[in-house]
Amino acid sequence: MTVDNRTRNLAHIRASFRSEGAMRLLRARITRLERGCAEITAKNQAVLSQQDGFVHAGVLATMMDSAGGYAALSVLPPGSRVLAVEFKINFMAPAVGDTIRGIGTVRRMGKRIAVCELEAKTRKNKTWITCAWGSQTVYCIKAGEANG
């Protein structure tokens, strides 16, 4: 991919991200975006907690899902679209801290399906701790193709 195409693709991803209502609700932002990897970060807020004060599993899952989708989109031509088919998450530690991060990394890209690794981290006392890990299957619709 040429530099011009790469720049257009990243711009497409950022435009897509800005249109995502769930990310606006979480006040999230893309903090890392490169070919095959996306990182989404948000400040922790009391409204994101579950009954014991940890970040709610649904919030972590939402950030991980979007990060995986944008990681997959980053290896596709500009104008492509993606849709999660499934994901599985293992929660490994209570999610506490001042900042939440979802990370998606493409592990395998096929013709229509991408498999991504997902990770969620929280920052407490300036230390990042992995609180969840998982995998995701993403359906990819390349620019110019029918919806499948």
N, C-alpha and C. Protein backbone atom coordinates (compact mmCIF):
# COMPACT_ATOMS: atom_id res chain seq x y z
N MET A 1 0.85 -1.18 0.00
CA MET A 1 0.00 0.00 0.00
C MET A 1 0.89 1.23 0.00
N THR A 2 0.60 2.19 -0.87
CA THR A 2 1.39 3.40 -0.93
C THR A 2 1.08 4.28 0.28
N VAL A 3 1.95 5.27 0.48
CA VAL A 3 1.76 6.19 1.60
C VAL A 3 0.42 6.92 1.47
N ASP A 4 0.07 7.35 0.24
CA ASP A 4 -1.20 8.06 0.03
C ASP A 4 -2.38 7.17 0.39
N ASN A 5 -2.36 5.90 -0.08
CA ASN A 5 -3.45 4.98 0.26
C ASN A 5 -3.49 4.73 1.75
N ARG A 6 -2.33 4.60 2.37
CA ARG A 6 -2.27 4.34 3.82
C ARG A 6 -2.87 5.52 4.59
N THR A 7 -2.54 6.73 4.18
CA THR A 7 -3.08 7.93 4.83
C THR A 7 -4.59 7.98 4.67
N ARG A 8 -5.09 7.68 3.45
CA ARG A 8 -6.53 7.68 3.22
C ARG A 8 -7.21 6.61 4.08
N ASN A 9 -6.60 5.44 4.20
CA ASN A 9 -7.20 4.36 4.99
C ASN A 9 -7.28 4.77 6.46
N LEU A 10 -6.22 5.35 6.99
CA LEU A 10 -6.25 5.79 8.38
C LEU A 10 -7.30 6.88 8.57
N ALA A 11 -7.45 7.77 7.61
CA ALA A 11 -8.47 8.81 7.69
C ALA A 11 -9.86 8.18 7.68
N HIS A 12 -10.06 7.14 6.87
CA HIS A 12 -11.34 6.43 6.83
C HIS A 12 -11.65 5.80 8.19
N ILE A 13 -10.65 5.22 8.81
CA ILE A 13 -10.83 4.60 10.12
C ILE A 13 -11.19 5.65 11.16
N ARG A 14 -10.47 6.75 11.15
CA ARG A 14 -10.76 7.81 12.13
C ARG A 14 -12.16 8.40 11.92
N ALA A 15 -12.59 8.54 10.69
CA ALA A 15 -13.95 9.03 10.40
C ALA A 15 -14.98 8.02 10.90
N SER A 16 -14.73 6.75 10.68
CA SER A 16 -15.62 5.70 11.17
C SER A 16 -15.71 5.76 12.69
N PHE A 17 -14.58 5.90 13.33
CA PHE A 17 -14.53 5.96 14.79
C PHE A 17 -15.35 7.14 15.32
N ARG A 18 -15.21 8.30 14.68
CA ARG A 18 -15.95 9.49 15.11
C ARG A 18 -17.46 9.30 14.99
N SER A 19 -17.90 8.42 14.08
CA SER A 19 -19.33 8.21 13.89
C SER A 19 -19.90 7.16 14.86
N GLU A 20 -19.06 6.53 15.63
CA GLU A 20 -19.49 5.45 16.52
C GLU A 20 -20.03 6.02 17.84
N GLY A 21 -21.33 5.92 18.02
CA GLY A 21 -21.97 6.47 19.21
C GLY A 21 -21.46 5.88 20.52
N ALA A 22 -21.18 4.58 20.53
CA ALA A 22 -20.71 3.93 21.75
C ALA A 22 -19.37 4.51 22.20
N MET A 23 -18.50 4.82 21.25
CA MET A 23 -17.20 5.39 21.61
C MET A 23 -17.35 6.81 22.14
N ARG A 24 -18.30 7.56 21.58
CA ARG A 24 -18.59 8.90 22.11
C ARG A 24 -19.12 8.80 23.54
N LEU A 25 -20.01 7.84 23.76
CA LEU A 25 -20.58 7.63 25.09
C LEU A 25 -19.48 7.35 26.13
N LEU A 26 -18.48 6.57 25.73
CA LEU A 26 -17.37 6.23 26.63
C LEU A 26 -16.31 7.32 26.68
N ARG A 27 -16.45 8.32 25.81
CA ARG A 27 -15.45 9.39 25.66
C ARG A 27 -14.08 8.80 25.30
N ALA A 28 -14.12 7.80 24.44
CA ALA A 28 -12.90 7.09 24.04
C ALA A 28 -12.24 7.78 22.86
N ARG A 29 -10.96 7.47 22.68
CA ARG A 29 -10.21 8.00 21.54
C ARG A 29 -9.24 6.92 21.05
N ILE A 30 -8.89 7.00 19.79
CA ILE A 30 -7.87 6.11 19.24
C ILE A 30 -6.52 6.66 19.67
N THR A 31 -5.75 5.85 20.37
CA THR A 31 -4.44 6.29 20.84
C THR A 31 -3.29 5.63 20.09
N ARG A 32 -3.60 4.60 19.32
CA ARG A 32 -2.59 3.97 18.46
C ARG A 32 -3.31 3.32 17.30
N LEU A 33 -2.80 3.58 16.11
CA LEU A 33 -3.40 3.00 14.91
C LEU A 33 -2.28 2.76 13.92
N GLU A 34 -2.05 1.51 13.63
CA GLU A 34 -1.07 1.14 12.62
C GLU A 34 -1.58 -0.11 11.92
N ARG A 35 -0.93 -0.51 10.88
CA ARG A 35 -1.38 -1.67 10.11
C ARG A 35 -1.50 -2.89 11.02
N GLY A 36 -2.73 -3.39 11.16
CA GLY A 36 -2.98 -4.60 11.94
C GLY A 36 -3.12 -4.40 13.43
N CYS A 37 -3.12 -3.17 13.90
CA CYS A 37 -3.23 -2.93 15.36
C CYS A 37 -3.97 -1.62 15.63
N ALA A 38 -4.89 -1.68 16.58
CA ALA A 38 -5.61 -0.47 17.01
C ALA A 38 -5.73 -0.49 18.52
N GLU A 39 -5.60 0.69 19.09
CA GLU A 39 -5.69 0.84 20.55
C GLU A 39 -6.67 1.97 20.84
N ILE A 40 -7.62 1.70 21.72
CA ILE A 40 -8.64 2.68 22.09
C ILE A 40 -8.54 2.91 23.59
N THR A 41 -8.52 4.18 23.98
CA THR A 41 -8.31 4.53 25.39
C THR A 41 -9.41 5.48 25.86
N ALA A 42 -9.81 5.31 27.12
CA ALA A 42 -10.80 6.20 27.74
C ALA A 42 -10.45 6.39 29.21
N LYS A 43 -10.80 7.52 29.72
CA LYS A 43 -10.67 7.76 31.15
C LYS A 43 -11.76 6.97 31.87
N ASN A 44 -11.41 6.37 32.98
CA ASN A 44 -12.41 5.66 33.78
C ASN A 44 -13.33 6.70 34.42
N GLN A 45 -14.60 6.37 34.49
CA GLN A 45 -15.61 7.24 35.09
C GLN A 45 -16.52 6.38 35.97
N ALA A 46 -17.07 6.95 37.01
CA ALA A 46 -17.95 6.19 37.91
C ALA A 46 -19.12 5.56 37.15
N VAL A 47 -19.60 6.21 36.10
CA VAL A 47 -20.76 5.68 35.36
C VAL A 47 -20.41 4.41 34.57
N LEU A 48 -19.15 4.05 34.47
CA LEU A 48 -18.72 2.86 33.75
C LEU A 48 -18.56 1.65 34.66
N SER A 49 -18.90 1.81 35.93
CA SER A 49 -18.64 0.74 36.90
C SER A 49 -19.81 -0.23 37.04
N GLN A 50 -19.46 -1.39 37.57
CA GLN A 50 -20.49 -2.35 37.98
C GLN A 50 -20.67 -2.20 39.50
N GLN A 51 -21.43 -3.08 40.12
CA GLN A 51 -21.85 -2.92 41.51
C GLN A 51 -20.71 -2.90 42.53
N ASP A 52 -19.55 -3.49 42.20
CA ASP A 52 -18.43 -3.52 43.14
C ASP A 52 -17.40 -2.42 42.85
N GLY A 53 -17.69 -1.56 41.89
CA GLY A 53 -16.80 -0.45 41.59
C GLY A 53 -15.78 -0.72 40.51
N PHE A 54 -15.74 -1.94 39.96
CA PHE A 54 -14.83 -2.26 38.86
C PHE A 54 -15.43 -1.74 37.56
N VAL A 55 -14.59 -1.56 36.54
CA VAL A 55 -15.12 -1.22 35.22
C VAL A 55 -16.00 -2.38 34.77
N HIS A 56 -17.18 -2.07 34.29
CA HIS A 56 -18.14 -3.09 33.88
C HIS A 56 -17.59 -3.92 32.73
N ALA A 57 -17.83 -5.23 32.77
CA ALA A 57 -17.36 -6.14 31.71
C ALA A 57 -17.87 -5.71 30.34
N GLY A 58 -19.07 -5.19 30.26
CA GLY A 58 -19.62 -4.75 28.99
C GLY A 58 -18.85 -3.58 28.40
N VAL A 59 -18.34 -2.70 29.25
CA VAL A 59 -17.53 -1.57 28.79
C VAL A 59 -16.22 -2.10 28.21
N LEU A 60 -15.58 -3.01 28.93
CA LEU A 60 -14.33 -3.60 28.44
C LEU A 60 -14.57 -4.33 27.12
N ALA A 61 -15.64 -5.10 27.05
CA ALA A 61 -15.96 -5.85 25.83
C ALA A 61 -16.19 -4.90 24.66
N THR A 62 -16.88 -3.80 24.90
CA THR A 62 -17.15 -2.82 23.84
C THR A 62 -15.86 -2.23 23.30
N MET A 63 -14.96 -1.86 24.19
CA MET A 63 -13.69 -1.28 23.76
C MET A 63 -12.82 -2.31 23.03
N MET A 64 -12.82 -3.54 23.51
CA MET A 64 -12.04 -4.60 22.87
C MET A 64 -12.62 -4.91 21.49
N ASP A 65 -13.93 -5.00 21.39
CA ASP A 65 -14.60 -5.28 20.12
C ASP A 65 -14.26 -4.22 19.08
N SER A 66 -14.37 -2.97 19.45
CA SER A 66 -14.05 -1.88 18.50
C SER A 66 -12.58 -1.89 18.12
N ALA A 67 -11.70 -2.13 19.08
CA ALA A 67 -10.27 -2.16 18.77
C ALA A 67 -9.95 -3.28 17.77
N GLY A 68 -10.55 -4.44 17.95
CA GLY A 68 -10.34 -5.54 17.01
C GLY A 68 -10.87 -5.22 15.63
N GLY A 69 -12.05 -4.61 15.58
CA GLY A 69 -12.63 -4.23 14.29
C GLY A 69 -11.78 -3.22 13.55
N TYR A 70 -11.27 -2.22 14.26
CA TYR A 70 -10.44 -1.21 13.61
C TYR A 70 -9.07 -1.77 13.23
N ALA A 71 -8.56 -2.73 14.00
CA ALA A 71 -7.31 -3.40 13.61
C ALA A 71 -7.51 -4.11 12.28
N ALA A 72 -8.64 -4.82 12.13
CA ALA A 72 -8.93 -5.52 10.88
C ALA A 72 -9.12 -4.52 9.74
N LEU A 73 -9.85 -3.45 10.00
CA LEU A 73 -10.10 -2.44 8.97
C LEU A 73 -8.79 -1.81 8.50
N SER A 74 -7.80 -1.74 9.36
CA SER A 74 -6.53 -1.10 9.00
C SER A 74 -5.72 -1.87 7.96
N VAL A 75 -6.05 -3.12 7.72
CA VAL A 75 -5.33 -3.89 6.68
C VAL A 75 -6.14 -4.03 5.40
N LEU A 76 -7.32 -3.45 5.38
CA LEU A 76 -8.21 -3.51 4.21
C LEU A 76 -8.12 -2.22 3.40
N PRO A 77 -8.54 -2.26 2.14
CA PRO A 77 -8.52 -1.05 1.32
C PRO A 77 -9.46 0.02 1.88
N PRO A 78 -9.15 1.30 1.64
CA PRO A 78 -10.05 2.37 2.07
C PRO A 78 -11.45 2.14 1.54
N GLY A 79 -12.45 2.44 2.35
CA GLY A 79 -13.84 2.25 1.96
C GLY A 79 -14.40 0.90 2.35
N SER A 80 -13.57 0.02 2.91
CA SER A 80 -14.03 -1.29 3.36
C SER A 80 -14.80 -1.15 4.66
N ARG A 81 -15.49 -2.24 5.02
CA ARG A 81 -16.25 -2.27 6.28
C ARG A 81 -16.00 -3.59 6.99
N VAL A 82 -16.24 -3.61 8.28
CA VAL A 82 -16.07 -4.84 9.06
C VAL A 82 -17.25 -5.00 10.01
N LEU A 83 -17.47 -6.25 10.40
CA LEU A 83 -18.55 -6.56 11.33
C LEU A 83 -18.11 -7.75 12.18
N ALA A 84 -18.22 -7.63 13.49
CA ALA A 84 -17.85 -8.73 14.37
C ALA A 84 -18.80 -9.91 14.15
N VAL A 85 -18.22 -11.10 14.05
CA VAL A 85 -19.00 -12.33 13.93
C VAL A 85 -19.13 -12.96 15.31
N GLU A 86 -18.04 -12.97 16.05
CA GLU A 86 -18.06 -13.48 17.42
C GLU A 86 -16.82 -13.00 18.15
N PHE A 87 -16.90 -13.01 19.48
CA PHE A 87 -15.70 -12.80 20.28
C PHE A 87 -15.85 -13.51 21.61
N LYS A 88 -14.71 -13.84 22.17
CA LYS A 88 -14.64 -14.51 23.47
C LYS A 88 -13.64 -13.76 24.32
N ILE A 89 -14.04 -13.51 25.55
CA ILE A 89 -13.18 -12.75 26.45
C ILE A 89 -13.04 -13.50 27.77
N ASN A 90 -11.82 -13.56 28.27
CA ASN A 90 -11.54 -14.07 29.61
C ASN A 90 -11.15 -12.87 30.47
N PHE A 91 -11.84 -12.71 31.59
CA PHE A 91 -11.53 -11.64 32.52
C PHE A 91 -10.54 -12.19 33.54
N MET A 92 -9.39 -11.53 33.65
CA MET A 92 -8.27 -12.08 34.42
C MET A 92 -8.00 -11.33 35.72
N ALA A 93 -8.44 -10.11 35.83
CA ALA A 93 -8.21 -9.31 37.04
C ALA A 93 -9.28 -8.24 37.11
N PRO A 94 -9.64 -7.78 38.30
CA PRO A 94 -10.61 -6.69 38.40
C PRO A 94 -10.10 -5.46 37.65
N ALA A 95 -10.98 -4.83 36.94
CA ALA A 95 -10.61 -3.65 36.16
C ALA A 95 -10.78 -2.41 37.02
N VAL A 96 -9.70 -1.97 37.61
CA VAL A 96 -9.69 -0.77 38.44
C VAL A 96 -8.55 0.13 37.97
N GLY A 97 -8.75 1.42 38.08
CA GLY A 97 -7.72 2.37 37.68
C GLY A 97 -8.32 3.60 37.07
N ASP A 98 -7.45 4.51 36.66
CA ASP A 98 -7.92 5.80 36.15
C ASP A 98 -8.16 5.81 34.64
N THR A 99 -7.60 4.81 33.93
CA THR A 99 -7.71 4.78 32.47
C THR A 99 -7.96 3.35 32.01
N ILE A 100 -8.75 3.22 30.94
CA ILE A 100 -9.09 1.92 30.36
C ILE A 100 -8.54 1.89 28.95
N ARG A 101 -8.04 0.73 28.52
CA ARG A 101 -7.51 0.61 27.16
C ARG A 101 -7.95 -0.72 26.55
N GLY A 102 -8.44 -0.66 25.32
CA GLY A 102 -8.75 -1.85 24.54
C GLY A 102 -7.77 -1.93 23.38
N ILE A 103 -7.20 -3.10 23.15
CA ILE A 103 -6.20 -3.28 22.10
C ILE A 103 -6.64 -4.44 21.20
N GLY A 104 -6.60 -4.22 19.91
CA GLY A 104 -6.91 -5.26 18.94
C GLY A 104 -5.73 -5.45 18.00
N THR A 105 -5.37 -6.71 17.74
CA THR A 105 -4.27 -7.04 16.85
C THR A 105 -4.71 -8.14 15.89
N VAL A 106 -4.54 -7.92 14.61
CA VAL A 106 -4.88 -8.94 13.63
C VAL A 106 -3.85 -10.06 13.71
N ARG A 107 -4.34 -11.28 13.88
CA ARG A 107 -3.47 -12.45 13.93
C ARG A 107 -3.51 -13.24 12.63
N ARG A 108 -4.63 -13.18 11.92
CA ARG A 108 -4.76 -13.89 10.64
C ARG A 108 -5.81 -13.18 9.80
N MET A 109 -5.45 -12.90 8.56
CA MET A 109 -6.39 -12.26 7.65
C MET A 109 -6.64 -13.20 6.47
N GLY A 110 -7.89 -13.59 6.30
CA GLY A 110 -8.28 -14.40 5.15
C GLY A 110 -8.95 -13.53 4.11
N LYS A 111 -9.66 -14.17 3.18
CA LYS A 111 -10.34 -13.42 2.12
C LYS A 111 -11.53 -12.64 2.66
N ARG A 112 -12.26 -13.22 3.58
CA ARG A 112 -13.45 -12.57 4.16
C ARG A 112 -13.43 -12.47 5.68
N ILE A 113 -12.58 -13.27 6.31
CA ILE A 113 -12.58 -13.36 7.78
C ILE A 113 -11.21 -12.99 8.33
N ALA A 114 -11.21 -12.16 9.36
CA ALA A 114 -9.99 -11.84 10.11
C ALA A 114 -10.14 -12.40 11.51
N VAL A 115 -9.05 -12.88 12.07
CA VAL A 115 -9.03 -13.32 13.46
C VAL A 115 -8.11 -12.36 14.21
N CYS A 116 -8.66 -11.79 15.28
CA CYS A 116 -7.92 -10.79 16.05
C CYS A 116 -7.73 -11.24 17.49
N GLU A 117 -6.62 -10.82 18.06
CA GLU A 117 -6.37 -10.98 19.48
C GLU A 117 -6.82 -9.68 20.16
N LEU A 118 -7.47 -9.82 21.29
CA LEU A 118 -7.99 -8.67 22.03
C LEU A 118 -7.36 -8.62 23.41
N GLU A 119 -7.17 -7.41 23.91
CA GLU A 119 -6.66 -7.25 25.26
C GLU A 119 -7.26 -5.98 25.86
N ALA A 120 -7.57 -6.03 27.15
CA ALA A 120 -8.00 -4.84 27.88
C ALA A 120 -7.03 -4.62 29.03
N LYS A 121 -6.67 -3.37 29.22
CA LYS A 121 -5.77 -3.00 30.31
C LYS A 121 -6.36 -1.82 31.06
N THR A 122 -6.01 -1.72 32.32
CA THR A 122 -6.34 -0.55 33.12
C THR A 122 -5.05 -0.01 33.73
N ARG A 123 -5.03 1.30 33.93
CA ARG A 123 -3.84 1.93 34.53
C ARG A 123 -4.17 2.35 35.96
N LYS A 124 -3.37 1.83 36.87
CA LYS A 124 -3.51 2.19 38.28
C LYS A 124 -2.12 2.50 38.81
N ASN A 125 -1.98 3.67 39.42
CA ASN A 125 -0.69 4.11 39.95
C ASN A 125 0.40 4.06 38.88
N LYS A 126 0.07 4.53 37.67
CA LYS A 126 0.98 4.63 36.53
C LYS A 126 1.45 3.27 35.99
N THR A 127 0.81 2.18 36.42
CA THR A 127 1.16 0.85 35.95
C THR A 127 -0.02 0.27 35.18
N TRP A 128 0.25 -0.26 33.98
CA TRP A 128 -0.79 -0.89 33.16
C TRP A 128 -0.90 -2.36 33.53
N ILE A 129 -2.13 -2.81 33.79
CA ILE A 129 -2.40 -4.20 34.17
C ILE A 129 -3.40 -4.79 33.18
N THR A 130 -3.07 -5.96 32.64
CA THR A 130 -4.01 -6.65 31.77
C THR A 130 -5.13 -7.21 32.62
N CYS A 131 -6.36 -6.83 32.30
CA CYS A 131 -7.51 -7.32 33.06
C CYS A 131 -8.39 -8.26 32.25
N ALA A 132 -8.20 -8.29 30.92
CA ALA A 132 -8.98 -9.20 30.08
C ALA A 132 -8.20 -9.50 28.80
N TRP A 133 -8.45 -10.70 28.28
CA TRP A 133 -7.81 -11.13 27.04
C TRP A 133 -8.83 -11.93 26.26
N GLY A 134 -8.76 -11.88 24.94
CA GLY A 134 -9.71 -12.66 24.16
C GLY A 134 -9.37 -12.73 22.69
N SER A 135 -10.30 -13.27 21.95
CA SER A 135 -10.15 -13.39 20.50
C SER A 135 -11.46 -12.98 19.83
N GLN A 136 -11.35 -12.62 18.57
CA GLN A 136 -12.50 -12.11 17.83
C GLN A 136 -12.41 -12.55 16.38
N THR A 137 -13.56 -12.89 15.83
CA THR A 137 -13.68 -13.17 14.40
C THR A 137 -14.42 -12.00 13.77
N VAL A 138 -13.84 -11.46 12.70
CA VAL A 138 -14.39 -10.27 12.05
C VAL A 138 -14.69 -10.59 10.59
N TYR A 139 -15.89 -10.26 10.15
CA TYR A 139 -16.27 -10.40 8.74
C TYR A 139 -15.86 -9.13 8.02
N CYS A 140 -15.15 -9.28 6.92
CA CYS A 140 -14.60 -8.14 6.18
C CYS A 140 -15.29 -7.97 4.83
N ILE A 141 -15.76 -6.77 4.57
CA ILE A 141 -16.36 -6.43 3.29
C ILE A 141 -15.45 -5.39 2.64
N LYS A 142 -14.72 -5.82 1.64
CA LYS A 142 -13.78 -4.92 0.98
C LYS A 142 -14.52 -3.89 0.15
N ALA A 143 -13.91 -2.73 0.00
CA ALA A 143 -14.49 -1.64 -0.79
C ALA A 143 -14.88 -2.15 -2.16
N GLY A 144 -16.09 -1.82 -2.60
CA GLY A 144 -16.56 -2.20 -3.92
C GLY A 144 -17.25 -3.56 -3.97
N GLU A 145 -17.20 -4.33 -2.88
CA GLU A 145 -17.87 -5.63 -2.85
C GLU A 145 -19.29 -5.48 -2.33
N ALA A 146 -20.13 -6.42 -2.69
CA ALA A 146 -21.48 -6.46 -2.14
C ALA A 146 -21.38 -6.83 -0.66
N ASN A 147 -22.45 -6.70 0.06
CA ASN A 147 -22.45 -6.96 1.50
C ASN A 147 -22.23 -8.42 1.86
N GLY A 148 -21.92 -9.25 0.93
CA GLY A 148 -21.58 -10.64 1.24
C GLY A 148 -22.75 -11.52 1.11
